Amino acid sequence: MTATLPARLRTWLVQTFTYDSGTQAADAMADATRWGWLPALSGVAVGADLARAKYAETLSKGSGLSG
């Protein structure tokens, strides 16, 4: 019994303080693909707003462009 106690304690410690990196990596990849498009979409929205504002400003100045 004395020999199995350290082995059981070691097994418990390893199971308690280690993690399955494969599962965590899969979860992280799922989160990255789920939310990875958000910054790009935000940039497109901001760019579209800036383009509209610049176009309205150009029209109000009467730059002579046809359209």
C-alpha atoms as a PDB file:
ATOM      1  CA  MET A   1       0.000   0.000   0.000  1.00  0.00           C
ATOM      2  CA  THR A   2       2.877   2.392   0.692  1.00  0.00           C
ATOM      3  CA  ALA A   3       4.173   2.059  -2.870  1.00  0.00           C
ATOM      4  CA  THR A   4       0.795   2.770  -4.442  1.00  0.00           C
ATOM      5  CA  LEU A   5       0.082   5.896  -2.416  1.00  0.00           C
ATOM      6  CA  PRO A   6       2.815   8.020  -4.093  1.00  0.00           C
ATOM      7  CA  ALA A   7       1.779   6.651  -7.479  1.00  0.00           C
ATOM      8  CA  ARG A   8      -1.866   7.507  -6.834  1.00  0.00           C
ATOM      9  CA  LEU A   9      -0.891  10.958  -5.576  1.00  0.00           C
ATOM     10  CA  ARG A  10       1.275  11.559  -8.659  1.00  0.00           C
ATOM     11  CA  THR A  11      -1.526  10.397 -10.971  1.00  0.00           C
ATOM     12  CA  TRP A  12      -4.000  12.694  -9.222  1.00  0.00           C
ATOM     13  CA  LEU A  13      -1.634  15.667  -9.436  1.00  0.00           C
ATOM     14  CA  VAL A  14      -0.961  15.085 -13.142  1.00  0.00           C
ATOM     15  CA  GLN A  15      -4.663  14.786 -13.927  1.00  0.00           C
ATOM     16  CA  THR A  16      -5.509  17.850 -11.851  1.00  0.00           C
ATOM     17  CA  PHE A  17      -2.848  20.252 -13.089  1.00  0.00           C
ATOM     18  CA  THR A  18      -2.520  19.310 -16.748  1.00  0.00           C
ATOM     19  CA  TYR A  19      -4.918  19.894 -19.613  1.00  0.00           C
ATOM     20  CA  ASP A  20      -5.797  18.342 -22.919  1.00  0.00           C
ATOM     21  CA  SER A  21      -4.234  20.742 -25.388  1.00  0.00           C
ATOM     22  CA  GLY A  22      -6.075  19.199 -28.348  1.00  0.00           C
ATOM     23  CA  THR A  23      -9.477  20.060 -26.942  1.00  0.00           C
ATOM     24  CA  GLN A  24      -8.405  23.552 -25.939  1.00  0.00           C
ATOM     25  CA  ALA A  25      -6.839  24.171 -29.336  1.00  0.00           C
ATOM     26  CA  ALA A  26     -10.039  23.097 -31.068  1.00  0.00           C
ATOM     27  CA  ASP A  27     -12.086  25.412 -28.846  1.00  0.00           C
ATOM     28  CA  ALA A  28      -9.733  28.316 -29.539  1.00  0.00           C
ATOM     29  CA  MET A  29      -9.903  27.704 -33.285  1.00  0.00           C
ATOM     30  CA  ALA A  30     -13.704  27.602 -33.143  1.00  0.00           C
ATOM     31  CA  ASP A  31     -13.750  30.958 -31.343  1.00  0.00           C
ATOM     32  CA  ALA A  32     -11.300  32.461 -33.821  1.00  0.00           C
ATOM     33  CA  THR A  33     -13.390  31.411 -36.802  1.00  0.00           C
ATOM     34  CA  ARG A  34     -16.603  32.437 -35.085  1.00  0.00           C
ATOM     35  CA  TRP A  35     -15.456  35.976 -34.254  1.00  0.00           C
ATOM     36  CA  GLY A  36     -12.565  36.480 -36.674  1.00  0.00           C
ATOM     37  CA  TRP A  37     -14.707  38.272 -39.259  1.00  0.00           C
ATOM     38  CA  LEU A  38     -15.845  40.964 -36.816  1.00  0.00           C
ATOM     39  CA  PRO A  39     -12.856  43.368 -37.096  1.00  0.00           C
ATOM     40  CA  ALA A  40     -12.935  43.187 -40.885  1.00  0.00           C
ATOM     41  CA  LEU A  41     -16.638  43.937 -40.940  1.00  0.00           C
ATOM     42  CA  SER A  42     -16.110  46.894 -38.605  1.00  0.00           C
ATOM     43  CA  GLY A  43     -13.445  48.286 -40.934  1.00  0.00           C
ATOM     44  CA  VAL A  44     -15.761  47.957 -43.922  1.00  0.00           C
ATOM     45  CA  ALA A  45     -18.550  49.748 -42.065  1.00  0.00           C
ATOM     46  CA  VAL A  46     -16.241  52.593 -41.024  1.00  0.00           C
ATOM     47  CA  GLY A  47     -14.805  52.873 -44.537  1.00  0.00           C
ATOM     48  CA  ALA A  48     -18.274  53.003 -46.068  1.00  0.00           C
ATOM     49  CA  ASP A  49     -19.306  55.780 -43.684  1.00  0.00           C
ATOM     50  CA  LEU A  50     -16.165  57.771 -44.496  1.00  0.00           C
ATOM     51  CA  ALA A  51     -16.739  57.313 -48.229  1.00  0.00           C
ATOM     52  CA  ARG A  52     -20.338  58.534 -47.937  1.00  0.00           C
ATOM     53  CA  ALA A  53     -19.251  61.557 -45.914  1.00  0.00           C
ATOM     54  CA  LYS A  54     -16.488  62.439 -48.382  1.00  0.00           C
ATOM     55  CA  TYR A  55     -18.888  62.033 -51.324  1.00  0.00           C
ATOM     56  CA  ALA A  56     -21.469  64.295 -49.676  1.00  0.00           C
ATOM     57  CA  GLU A  57     -18.743  66.851 -48.943  1.00  0.00           C
ATOM     58  CA  THR A  58     -17.570  66.737 -52.572  1.00  0.00           C
ATOM     59  CA  LEU A  59     -21.127  67.233 -53.852  1.00  0.00           C
ATOM     60  CA  SER A  60     -21.740  70.180 -51.540  1.00  0.00           C
ATOM     61  CA  LYS A  61     -18.552  71.936 -52.738  1.00  0.00           C
ATOM     62  CA  GLY A  62     -19.613  71.597 -56.356  1.00  0.00           C
ATOM     63  CA  SER A  63     -16.369  70.202 -57.636  1.00  0.00           C
ATOM     64  CA  GLY A  64     -17.581  70.039 -61.214  1.00  0.00           C
ATOM     65  CA  LEU A  65     -17.590  66.267 -61.336  1.00  0.00           C
ATOM     66  CA  SER A  66     -20.382  64.759 -63.350  1.00  0.00           C
ATOM     67  CA  GLY A  67     -22.606  62.296 -61.649  1.00  0.00           C
END
